Amino acid sequence: MTVKSLADRLDSLSDAPYGQVVLGQALKLSEETGEVAEAVIGMLAMNPRKGASHTLEDVHAEACDAAVTALILIERTGADARSVFERHLEKLARRPLTGEATA
């Protein structure tokens, strides 16, 4: 319900056409995944100019932002994000973790 509420709040602030709403949300998801990468790079001090600029908690927060943004994308396309996510999670749980193909 919280994801729907967030999606509804975002929709109330925009009069953009459906296609632009979906495109904008997908672009926002891409931005958020970049922030996850930036946090991991910073946590591992992989950028010599910045050193250790992020913590594990920063990585967690950015990953949560990306997850919520993805769920809002699902919701803004008119689907119930919880149902879609739960079905997909069940499918992933049944999938083998090796290179074996399944029907």
PDB file of N, CA and C in Angstrom:
ATOM      1  N   MET A   1       0.818  -1.192   0.000  1.00  0.00           N
ATOM      2  CA  MET A   1       0.000   0.000   0.000  1.00  0.00           C
ATOM      3  C   MET A   1       0.864   1.259   0.000  1.00  0.00           C
ATOM      4  N   THR A   2       2.003   1.231   0.658  1.00  0.00           N
ATOM      5  CA  THR A   2       2.871   2.393   0.708  1.00  0.00           C
ATOM      6  C   THR A   2       3.397   2.749  -0.675  1.00  0.00           C
ATOM      7  N   VAL A   3       3.755   1.752  -1.477  1.00  0.00           N
ATOM      8  CA  VAL A   3       4.249   2.009  -2.831  1.00  0.00           C
ATOM      9  C   VAL A   3       3.158   2.666  -3.663  1.00  0.00           C
ATOM     10  N   LYS A   4       1.932   2.170  -3.563  1.00  0.00           N
ATOM     11  CA  LYS A   4       0.826   2.787  -4.300  1.00  0.00           C
ATOM     12  C   LYS A   4       0.627   4.224  -3.863  1.00  0.00           C
ATOM     13  N   SER A   5       0.719   4.470  -2.585  1.00  0.00           N
ATOM     14  CA  SER A   5       0.575   5.823  -2.065  1.00  0.00           C
ATOM     15  C   SER A   5       1.654   6.747  -2.625  1.00  0.00           C
ATOM     16  N   LEU A   6       2.883   6.261  -2.671  1.00  0.00           N
ATOM     17  CA  LEU A   6       3.969   7.055  -3.250  1.00  0.00           C
ATOM     18  C   LEU A   6       3.718   7.320  -4.729  1.00  0.00           C
ATOM     19  N   ALA A   7       3.306   6.294  -5.462  1.00  0.00           N
ATOM     20  CA  ALA A   7       3.025   6.455  -6.894  1.00  0.00           C
ATOM     21  C   ALA A   7       1.887   7.444  -7.103  1.00  0.00           C
ATOM     22  N   ASP A   8       0.851   7.333  -6.292  1.00  0.00           N
ATOM     23  CA  ASP A   8      -0.284   8.258  -6.398  1.00  0.00           C
ATOM     24  C   ASP A   8       0.146   9.693  -6.111  1.00  0.00           C
ATOM     25  N   ARG A   9       0.993   9.869  -5.111  1.00  0.00           N
ATOM     26  CA  ARG A   9       1.485  11.215  -4.790  1.00  0.00           C
ATOM     27  C   ARG A   9       2.283  11.785  -5.954  1.00  0.00           C
ATOM     28  N   LEU A  10       3.138  10.966  -6.555  1.00  0.00           N
ATOM     29  CA  LEU A  10       3.900  11.429  -7.721  1.00  0.00           C
ATOM     30  C   LEU A  10       2.976  11.786  -8.870  1.00  0.00           C
ATOM     31  N   ASP A  11       1.988  10.924  -9.119  1.00  0.00           N
ATOM     32  CA  ASP A  11       1.039  11.181 -10.211  1.00  0.00           C
ATOM     33  C   ASP A  11       0.253  12.466  -9.983  1.00  0.00           C
ATOM     34  N   SER A  12      -0.047  12.773  -8.732  1.00  0.00           N
ATOM     35  CA  SER A  12      -0.821  13.985  -8.435  1.00  0.00           C
ATOM     36  C   SER A  12      -0.020  15.257  -8.710  1.00  0.00           C
ATOM     37  N   LEU A  13       1.291  15.121  -8.786  1.00  0.00           N
ATOM     38  CA  LEU A  13       2.150  16.279  -9.025  1.00  0.00           C
ATOM     39  C   LEU A  13       2.468  16.487 -10.498  1.00  0.00           C
ATOM     40  N   SER A  14       1.940  15.613 -11.347  1.00  0.00           N
ATOM     41  CA  SER A  14       2.287  15.673 -12.761  1.00  0.00           C
ATOM     42  C   SER A  14       1.043  15.572 -13.624  1.00  0.00           C
ATOM     43  N   ASP A  15       1.057  16.322 -14.714  1.00  0.00           N
ATOM     44  CA  ASP A  15      -0.003  16.177 -15.705  1.00  0.00           C
ATOM     45  C   ASP A  15       0.577  15.634 -17.014  1.00  0.00           C
ATOM     46  N   ALA A  16       1.754  15.018 -16.915  1.00  0.00           N
ATOM     47  CA  ALA A  16       2.412  14.448 -18.090  1.00  0.00           C
ATOM     48  C   ALA A  16       1.609  13.272 -18.627  1.00  0.00           C
ATOM     49  N   PRO A  17       1.673  13.056 -19.935  1.00  0.00           N
ATOM     50  CA  PRO A  17       1.001  11.892 -20.511  1.00  0.00           C
ATOM     51  C   PRO A  17       1.620  10.587 -19.993  1.00  0.00           C
ATOM     52  N   TYR A  18       0.829   9.526 -20.070  1.00  0.00           N
ATOM     53  CA  TYR A  18       1.224   8.215 -19.546  1.00  0.00           C
ATOM     54  C   TYR A  18       2.629   7.802 -20.008  1.00  0.00           C
ATOM     55  N   GLY A  19       2.891   7.918 -21.299  1.00  0.00           N
ATOM     56  CA  GLY A  19       4.192   7.497 -21.825  1.00  0.00           C
ATOM     57  C   GLY A  19       5.349   8.242 -21.195  1.00  0.00           C
ATOM     58  N   GLN A  20       5.171   9.524 -20.969  1.00  0.00           N
ATOM     59  CA  GLN A  20       6.226  10.315 -20.341  1.00  0.00           C
ATOM     60  C   GLN A  20       6.394   9.948 -18.871  1.00  0.00           C
ATOM     61  N   VAL A  21       5.296   9.618 -18.207  1.00  0.00           N
ATOM     62  CA  VAL A  21       5.365   9.199 -16.803  1.00  0.00           C
ATOM     63  C   VAL A  21       6.185   7.914 -16.691  1.00  0.00           C
ATOM     64  N   VAL A  22       5.887   6.953 -17.552  1.00  0.00           N
ATOM     65  CA  VAL A  22       6.604   5.670 -17.514  1.00  0.00           C
ATOM     66  C   VAL A  22       8.067   5.875 -17.890  1.00  0.00           C
ATOM     67  N   LEU A  23       8.317   6.646 -18.942  1.00  0.00           N
ATOM     68  CA  LEU A  23       9.691   6.915 -19.358  1.00  0.00           C
ATOM     69  C   LEU A  23      10.458   7.616 -18.238  1.00  0.00           C
ATOM     70  N   GLY A  24       9.846   8.622 -17.643  1.00  0.00           N
ATOM     71  CA  GLY A  24      10.504   9.344 -16.558  1.00  0.00           C
ATOM     72  C   GLY A  24      10.824   8.452 -15.379  1.00  0.00           C
ATOM     73  N   GLN A  25       9.897   7.558 -15.042  1.00  0.00           N
ATOM     74  CA  GLN A  25      10.128   6.649 -13.923  1.00  0.00           C
ATOM     75  C   GLN A  25      11.232   5.648 -14.248  1.00  0.00           C
ATOM     76  N   ALA A  26      11.274   5.182 -15.489  1.00  0.00           N
ATOM     77  CA  ALA A  26      12.342   4.262 -15.896  1.00  0.00           C
ATOM     78  C   ALA A  26      13.700   4.970 -15.859  1.00  0.00           C
ATOM     79  N   LEU A  27      13.731   6.213 -16.299  1.00  0.00           N
ATOM     80  CA  LEU A  27      14.981   6.979 -16.237  1.00  0.00           C
ATOM     81  C   LEU A  27      15.396   7.225 -14.793  1.00  0.00           C
ATOM     82  N   LYS A  28      14.426   7.469 -13.924  1.00  0.00           N
ATOM     83  CA  LYS A  28      14.720   7.639 -12.504  1.00  0.00           C
ATOM     84  C   LYS A  28      15.323   6.365 -11.925  1.00  0.00           C
ATOM     85  N   LEU A  29      14.813   5.212 -12.350  1.00  0.00           N
ATOM     86  CA  LEU A  29      15.371   3.936 -11.896  1.00  0.00           C
ATOM     87  C   LEU A  29      16.826   3.804 -12.336  1.00  0.00           C
ATOM     88  N   SER A  30      17.105   4.188 -13.563  1.00  0.00           N
ATOM     89  CA  SER A  30      18.485   4.147 -14.055  1.00  0.00           C
ATOM     90  C   SER A  30      19.383   5.060 -13.220  1.00  0.00           C
ATOM     91  N   GLU A  31      18.889   6.233 -12.894  1.00  0.00           N
ATOM     92  CA  GLU A  31      19.646   7.156 -12.049  1.00  0.00           C
ATOM     93  C   GLU A  31      19.929   6.529 -10.680  1.00  0.00           C
ATOM     94  N   GLU A  32      18.926   5.901 -10.109  1.00  0.00           N
ATOM     95  CA  GLU A  32      19.091   5.293  -8.790  1.00  0.00           C
ATOM     96  C   GLU A  32      20.100   4.141  -8.821  1.00  0.00           C
ATOM     97  N   THR A  33      20.089   3.334  -9.870  1.00  0.00           N
ATOM     98  CA  THR A  33      21.065   2.235  -9.944  1.00  0.00           C
ATOM     99  C   THR A  33      22.480   2.789 -10.077  1.00  0.00           C
ATOM    100  N   GLY A  34      22.611   3.927 -10.756  1.00  0.00           N
ATOM    101  CA  GLY A  34      23.921   4.586 -10.815  1.00  0.00           C
ATOM    102  C   GLY A  34      24.384   5.023  -9.443  1.00  0.00           C
ATOM    103  N   GLU A  35      23.447   5.460  -8.609  1.00  0.00           N
ATOM    104  CA  GLU A  35      23.801   5.862  -7.248  1.00  0.00           C
ATOM    105  C   GLU A  35      24.205   4.662  -6.392  1.00  0.00           C
ATOM    106  N   VAL A  36      23.617   3.506  -6.661  1.00  0.00           N
ATOM    107  CA  VAL A  36      24.059   2.280  -5.975  1.00  0.00           C
ATOM    108  C   VAL A  36      25.510   1.998  -6.357  1.00  0.00           C
ATOM    109  N   ALA A  37      25.798   2.065  -7.648  1.00  0.00           N
ATOM    110  CA  ALA A  37      27.168   1.820  -8.116  1.00  0.00           C
ATOM    111  C   ALA A  37      28.145   2.817  -7.505  1.00  0.00           C
ATOM    112  N   GLU A  38      27.759   4.080  -7.467  1.00  0.00           N
ATOM    113  CA  GLU A  38      28.621   5.110  -6.873  1.00  0.00           C
ATOM    114  C   GLU A  38      28.894   4.812  -5.401  1.00  0.00           C
ATOM    115  N   ALA A  39      27.873   4.375  -4.676  1.00  0.00           N
ATOM    116  CA  ALA A  39      28.046   4.061  -3.258  1.00  0.00           C
ATOM    117  C   ALA A  39      28.977   2.862  -3.065  1.00  0.00           C
ATOM    118  N   VAL A  40      28.828   1.837  -3.902  1.00  0.00           N
ATOM    119  CA  VAL A  40      29.712   0.664  -3.796  1.00  0.00           C
ATOM    120  C   VAL A  40      31.152   1.056  -4.112  1.00  0.00           C
ATOM    121  N   ILE A  41      31.341   1.835  -5.168  1.00  0.00           N
ATOM    122  CA  ILE A  41      32.686   2.306  -5.525  1.00  0.00           C
ATOM    123  C   ILE A  41      33.284   3.103  -4.366  1.00  0.00           C
ATOM    124  N   GLY A  42      32.458   3.960  -3.765  1.00  0.00           N
ATOM    125  CA  GLY A  42      32.933   4.754  -2.635  1.00  0.00           C
ATOM    126  C   GLY A  42      33.222   3.921  -1.399  1.00  0.00           C
ATOM    127  N   MET A  43      32.402   2.922  -1.160  1.00  0.00           N
ATOM    128  CA  MET A  43      32.621   2.053  -0.008  1.00  0.00           C
ATOM    129  C   MET A  43      33.926   1.268  -0.163  1.00  0.00           C
ATOM    130  N   LEU A  44      34.212   0.851  -1.387  1.00  0.00           N
ATOM    131  CA  LEU A  44      35.418   0.062  -1.651  1.00  0.00           C
ATOM    132  C   LEU A  44      36.639   0.931  -1.957  1.00  0.00           C
ATOM    133  N   ALA A  45      36.455   2.243  -1.909  1.00  0.00           N
ATOM    134  CA  ALA A  45      37.532   3.205  -2.182  1.00  0.00           C
ATOM    135  C   ALA A  45      38.184   2.950  -3.539  1.00  0.00           C
ATOM    136  N   MET A  46      37.363   2.671  -4.531  1.00  0.00           N
ATOM    137  CA  MET A  46      37.877   2.348  -5.868  1.00  0.00           C
ATOM    138  C   MET A  46      38.206   3.586  -6.697  1.00  0.00           C
ATOM    139  N   ASN A  47      37.797   4.762  -6.247  1.00  0.00           N
ATOM    140  CA  ASN A  47      38.127   5.995  -6.948  1.00  0.00           C
ATOM    141  C   ASN A  47      39.235   6.680  -6.157  1.00  0.00           C
ATOM    142  N   PRO A  48      40.457   6.698  -6.705  1.00  0.00           N
ATOM    143  CA  PRO A  48      41.579   7.246  -5.937  1.00  0.00           C
ATOM    144  C   PRO A  48      41.419   8.730  -5.583  1.00  0.00           C
ATOM    145  N   ARG A  49      40.657   9.461  -6.358  1.00  0.00           N
ATOM    146  CA  ARG A  49      40.440  10.883  -6.054  1.00  0.00           C
ATOM    147  C   ARG A  49      39.552  11.084  -4.834  1.00  0.00           C
ATOM    148  N   LYS A  50      38.621  10.144  -4.600  1.00  0.00           N
ATOM    149  CA  LYS A  50      37.652  10.315  -3.520  1.00  0.00           C
ATOM    150  C   LYS A  50      37.931   9.433  -2.310  1.00  0.00           C
ATOM    151  N   GLY A  51      38.665   8.356  -2.509  1.00  0.00           N
ATOM    152  CA  GLY A  51      38.937   7.450  -1.400  1.00  0.00           C
ATOM    153  C   GLY A  51      37.662   6.780  -0.908  1.00  0.00           C
ATOM    154  N   ALA A  52      37.647   6.457   0.383  1.00  0.00           N
ATOM    155  CA  ALA A  52      36.484   5.803   0.993  1.00  0.00           C
ATOM    156  C   ALA A  52      35.436   6.870   1.293  1.00  0.00           C
ATOM    157  N   SER A  53      34.535   7.066   0.361  1.00  0.00           N
ATOM    158  CA  SER A  53      33.568   8.156   0.463  1.00  0.00           C
ATOM    159  C   SER A  53      32.174   7.707   0.898  1.00  0.00           C
ATOM    160  N   HIS A  54      31.940   6.395   0.967  1.00  0.00           N
ATOM    161  CA  HIS A  54      30.620   5.889   1.327  1.00  0.00           C
ATOM    162  C   HIS A  54      30.766   4.731   2.317  1.00  0.00           C
ATOM    163  N   THR A  55      29.677   4.433   2.997  1.00  0.00           N
ATOM    164  CA  THR A  55      29.651   3.332   3.961  1.00  0.00           C
ATOM    165  C   THR A  55      28.723   2.227   3.442  1.00  0.00           C
ATOM    166  N   LEU A  56      28.751   1.109   4.122  1.00  0.00           N
ATOM    167  CA  LEU A  56      27.832   0.026   3.795  1.00  0.00           C
ATOM    168  C   LEU A  56      26.385   0.493   3.975  1.00  0.00           C
ATOM    169  N   GLU A  57      26.146   1.312   4.971  1.00  0.00           N
ATOM    170  CA  GLU A  57      24.798   1.854   5.175  1.00  0.00           C
ATOM    171  C   GLU A  57      24.355   2.704   3.982  1.00  0.00           C
ATOM    172  N   ASP A  58      25.302   3.437   3.376  1.00  0.00           N
ATOM    173  CA  ASP A  58      24.987   4.207   2.169  1.00  0.00           C
ATOM    174  C   ASP A  58      24.582   3.274   1.032  1.00  0.00           C
ATOM    175  N   VAL A  59      25.301   2.166   0.901  1.00  0.00           N
ATOM    176  CA  VAL A  59      24.965   1.177  -0.137  1.00  0.00           C
ATOM    177  C   VAL A  59      23.561   0.640   0.099  1.00  0.00           C
ATOM    178  N   HIS A  60      23.269   0.294   1.339  1.00  0.00           N
ATOM    179  CA  HIS A  60      21.928  -0.214   1.671  1.00  0.00           C
ATOM    180  C   HIS A  60      20.860   0.817   1.321  1.00  0.00           C
ATOM    181  N   ALA A  61      21.085   2.067   1.694  1.00  0.00           N
ATOM    182  CA  ALA A  61      20.096   3.119   1.434  1.00  0.00           C
ATOM    183  C   ALA A  61      19.879   3.312  -0.062  1.00  0.00           C
ATOM    184  N   GLU A  62      20.952   3.315  -0.828  1.00  0.00           N
ATOM    185  CA  GLU A  62      20.821   3.501  -2.280  1.00  0.00           C
ATOM    186  C   GLU A  62      20.138   2.298  -2.928  1.00  0.00           C
ATOM    187  N   ALA A  63      20.441   1.096  -2.442  1.00  0.00           N
ATOM    188  CA  ALA A  63      19.778  -0.099  -2.969  1.00  0.00           C
ATOM    189  C   ALA A  63      18.281  -0.047  -2.665  1.00  0.00           C
ATOM    190  N   CYS A  64      17.929   0.414  -1.476  1.00  0.00           N
ATOM    191  CA  CYS A  64      16.508   0.565  -1.133  1.00  0.00           C
ATOM    192  C   CYS A  64      15.842   1.599  -2.034  1.00  0.00           C
ATOM    193  N   ASP A  65      16.527   2.716  -2.284  1.00  0.00           N
ATOM    194  CA  ASP A  65      15.970   3.731  -3.189  1.00  0.00           C
ATOM    195  C   ASP A  65      15.708   3.140  -4.567  1.00  0.00           C
ATOM    196  N   ALA A  66      16.652   2.333  -5.067  1.00  0.00           N
ATOM    197  CA  ALA A  66      16.477   1.714  -6.387  1.00  0.00           C
ATOM    198  C   ALA A  66      15.308   0.727  -6.367  1.00  0.00           C
ATOM    199  N   ALA A  67      15.200  -0.062  -5.305  1.00  0.00           N
ATOM    200  CA  ALA A  67      14.107  -1.035  -5.209  1.00  0.00           C
ATOM    201  C   ALA A  67      12.752  -0.343  -5.162  1.00  0.00           C
ATOM    202  N   VAL A  68      12.641   0.699  -4.368  1.00  0.00           N
ATOM    203  CA  VAL A  68      11.372   1.426  -4.260  1.00  0.00           C
ATOM    204  C   VAL A  68      11.037   2.093  -5.596  1.00  0.00           C
ATOM    205  N   THR A  69      12.032   2.649  -6.249  1.00  0.00           N
ATOM    206  CA  THR A  69      11.808   3.287  -7.549  1.00  0.00           C
ATOM    207  C   THR A  69      11.315   2.269  -8.571  1.00  0.00           C
ATOM    208  N   ALA A  70      11.859   1.057  -8.539  1.00  0.00           N
ATOM    209  CA  ALA A  70      11.399  -0.001  -9.442  1.00  0.00           C
ATOM    210  C   ALA A  70       9.958  -0.390  -9.133  1.00  0.00           C
ATOM    211  N   LEU A  71       9.624  -0.497  -7.867  1.00  0.00           N
ATOM    212  CA  LEU A  71       8.250  -0.836  -7.489  1.00  0.00           C
ATOM    213  C   LEU A  71       7.274   0.269  -7.885  1.00  0.00           C
ATOM    214  N   ILE A  72       7.697   1.509  -7.752  1.00  0.00           N
ATOM    215  CA  ILE A  72       6.846   2.624  -8.175  1.00  0.00           C
ATOM    216  C   ILE A  72       6.644   2.584  -9.691  1.00  0.00           C
ATOM    217  N   LEU A  73       7.664   2.199 -10.435  1.00  0.00           N
ATOM    218  CA  LEU A  73       7.525   2.045 -11.893  1.00  0.00           C
ATOM    219  C   LEU A  73       6.431   1.033 -12.215  1.00  0.00           C
ATOM    220  N   ILE A  74       6.455  -0.095 -11.533  1.00  0.00           N
ATOM    221  CA  ILE A  74       5.426  -1.120 -11.746  1.00  0.00           C
ATOM    222  C   ILE A  74       4.047  -0.551 -11.429  1.00  0.00           C
ATOM    223  N   GLU A  75       3.945   0.120 -10.306  1.00  0.00           N
ATOM    224  CA  GLU A  75       2.664   0.687  -9.870  1.00  0.00           C
ATOM    225  C   GLU A  75       2.161   1.745 -10.860  1.00  0.00           C
ATOM    226  N   ARG A  76       3.061   2.559 -11.373  1.00  0.00           N
ATOM    227  CA  ARG A  76       2.658   3.631 -12.279  1.00  0.00           C
ATOM    228  C   ARG A  76       2.255   3.113 -13.659  1.00  0.00           C
ATOM    229  N   THR A  77       2.529   1.845 -13.932  1.00  0.00           N
ATOM    230  CA  THR A  77       2.041   1.249 -15.180  1.00  0.00           C
ATOM    231  C   THR A  77       0.668   0.623 -14.998  1.00  0.00           C
ATOM    232  N   GLY A  78       0.098   0.781 -13.802  1.00  0.00           N
ATOM    233  CA  GLY A  78      -1.252   0.304 -13.554  1.00  0.00           C
ATOM    234  C   GLY A  78      -1.337  -1.066 -12.923  1.00  0.00           C
ATOM    235  N   ALA A  79      -0.203  -1.663 -12.595  1.00  0.00           N
ATOM    236  CA  ALA A  79      -0.202  -2.987 -11.967  1.00  0.00           C
ATOM    237  C   ALA A  79      -0.035  -2.836 -10.457  1.00  0.00           C
ATOM    238  N   ASP A  80      -0.404  -3.870  -9.734  1.00  0.00           N
ATOM    239  CA  ASP A  80      -0.181  -3.900  -8.297  1.00  0.00           C
ATOM    240  C   ASP A  80       1.250  -4.374  -8.048  1.00  0.00           C
ATOM    241  N   ALA A  81       2.092  -3.464  -7.585  1.00  0.00           N
ATOM    242  CA  ALA A  81       3.521  -3.764  -7.436  1.00  0.00           C
ATOM    243  C   ALA A  81       3.766  -4.954  -6.519  1.00  0.00           C
ATOM    244  N   ARG A  82       3.012  -5.058  -5.428  1.00  0.00           N
ATOM    245  CA  ARG A  82       3.215  -6.165  -4.492  1.00  0.00           C
ATOM    246  C   ARG A  82       2.947  -7.505  -5.174  1.00  0.00           C
ATOM    247  N   SER A  83       1.830  -7.599  -5.897  1.00  0.00           N
ATOM    248  CA  SER A  83       1.479  -8.856  -6.574  1.00  0.00           C
ATOM    249  C   SER A  83       2.506  -9.212  -7.638  1.00  0.00           C
ATOM    250  N   VAL A  84       2.885  -8.228  -8.439  1.00  0.00           N
ATOM    251  CA  VAL A  84       3.866  -8.470  -9.496  1.00  0.00           C
ATOM    252  C   VAL A  84       5.186  -8.931  -8.887  1.00  0.00           C
ATOM    253  N   PHE A  85       5.629  -8.240  -7.837  1.00  0.00           N
ATOM    254  CA  PHE A  85       6.897  -8.585  -7.205  1.00  0.00           C
ATOM    255  C   PHE A  85       6.855  -9.962  -6.566  1.00  0.00           C
ATOM    256  N   GLU A  86       5.776 -10.266  -5.853  1.00  0.00           N
ATOM    257  CA  GLU A  86       5.679 -11.575  -5.197  1.00  0.00           C
ATOM    258  C   GLU A  86       5.671 -12.709  -6.213  1.00  0.00           C
ATOM    259  N   ARG A  87       4.923 -12.548  -7.317  1.00  0.00           N
ATOM    260  CA  ARG A  87       4.918 -13.580  -8.365  1.00  0.00           C
ATOM    261  C   ARG A  87       6.315 -13.757  -8.951  1.00  0.00           C
ATOM    262  N   HIS A  88       6.979 -12.654  -9.192  1.00  0.00           N
ATOM    263  CA  HIS A  88       8.314 -12.732  -9.785  1.00  0.00           C
ATOM    264  C   HIS A  88       9.310 -13.353  -8.809  1.00  0.00           C
ATOM    265  N   LEU A  89       9.201 -13.002  -7.549  1.00  0.00           N
ATOM    266  CA  LEU A  89      10.087 -13.569  -6.531  1.00  0.00           C
ATOM    267  C   LEU A  89       9.900 -15.077  -6.416  1.00  0.00           C
ATOM    268  N   GLU A  90       8.644 -15.531  -6.465  1.00  0.00           N
ATOM    269  CA  GLU A  90       8.377 -16.972  -6.428  1.00  0.00           C
ATOM    270  C   GLU A  90       9.010 -17.665  -7.636  1.00  0.00           C
ATOM    271  N   LYS A  91       8.893 -17.051  -8.797  1.00  0.00           N
ATOM    272  CA  LYS A  91       9.494 -17.613 -10.010  1.00  0.00           C
ATOM    273  C   LYS A  91      11.011 -17.688  -9.869  1.00  0.00           C
ATOM    274  N   LEU A  92      11.612 -16.638  -9.339  1.00  0.00           N
ATOM    275  CA  LEU A  92      13.062 -16.631  -9.150  1.00  0.00           C
ATOM    276  C   LEU A  92      13.495 -17.694  -8.149  1.00  0.00           C
ATOM    277  N   ALA A  93      12.701 -17.901  -7.111  1.00  0.00           N
ATOM    278  CA  ALA A  93      13.040 -18.887  -6.085  1.00  0.00           C
ATOM    279  C   ALA A  93      13.038 -20.305  -6.643  1.00  0.00           C
ATOM    280  N   ARG A  94      12.220 -20.551  -7.662  1.00  0.00           N
ATOM    281  CA  ARG A  94      12.160 -21.883  -8.280  1.00  0.00           C
ATOM    282  C   ARG A  94      13.241 -22.094  -9.337  1.00  0.00           C
ATOM    283  N   ARG A  95      13.843 -21.026  -9.782  1.00  0.00           N
ATOM    284  CA  ARG A  95      14.823 -21.116 -10.863  1.00  0.00           C
ATOM    285  C   ARG A  95      16.148 -21.648 -10.329  1.00  0.00           C
ATOM    286  N   PRO A  96      16.752 -22.565 -11.076  1.00  0.00           N
ATOM    287  CA  PRO A  96      18.061 -23.075 -10.617  1.00  0.00           C
ATOM    288  C   PRO A  96      19.128 -21.985 -10.706  1.00  0.00           C
ATOM    289  N   LEU A  97      20.107 -22.074  -9.846  1.00  0.00           N
ATOM    290  CA  LEU A  97      21.161 -21.088  -9.824  1.00  0.00           C
ATOM    291  C   LEU A  97      22.355 -21.491 -10.694  1.00  0.00           C
ATOM    292  N   THR A  98      22.242 -22.625 -11.341  1.00  0.00           N
ATOM    293  CA  THR A  98      23.306 -23.079 -12.236  1.00  0.00           C
ATOM    294  C   THR A  98      22.920 -22.719 -13.670  1.00  0.00           C
ATOM    295  N   GLY A  99      23.732 -23.129 -14.614  1.00  0.00           N
ATOM    296  CA  GLY A  99      23.487 -22.829 -16.010  1.00  0.00           C
ATOM    297  C   GLY A  99      22.458 -23.740 -16.661  1.00  0.00           C
ATOM    298  N   GLU A 100      21.778 -24.562 -15.879  1.00  0.00           N
ATOM    299  CA  GLU A 100      20.802 -25.484 -16.439  1.00  0.00           C
ATOM    300  C   GLU A 100      19.561 -24.740 -16.902  1.00  0.00           C
ATOM    301  N   ALA A 101      19.100 -25.060 -18.097  1.00  0.00           N
ATOM    302  CA  ALA A 101      17.886 -24.449 -18.630  1.00  0.00           C
ATOM    303  C   ALA A 101      16.666 -25.202 -18.106  1.00  0.00           C
ATOM    304  N   THR A 102      15.587 -24.455 -17.849  1.00  0.00           N
ATOM    305  CA  THR A 102      14.337 -25.076 -17.426  1.00  0.00           C
ATOM    306  C   THR A 102      13.220 -24.569 -18.319  1.00  0.00           C
ATOM    307  N   ALA A 103      12.146 -25.340 -18.374  1.00  0.00           N
ATOM    308  CA  ALA A 103      10.992 -24.951 -19.202  1.00  0.00           C
ATOM    309  C   ALA A 103      10.106 -23.997 -18.452  1.00  0.00           C
TER     310      ALA A 103
END
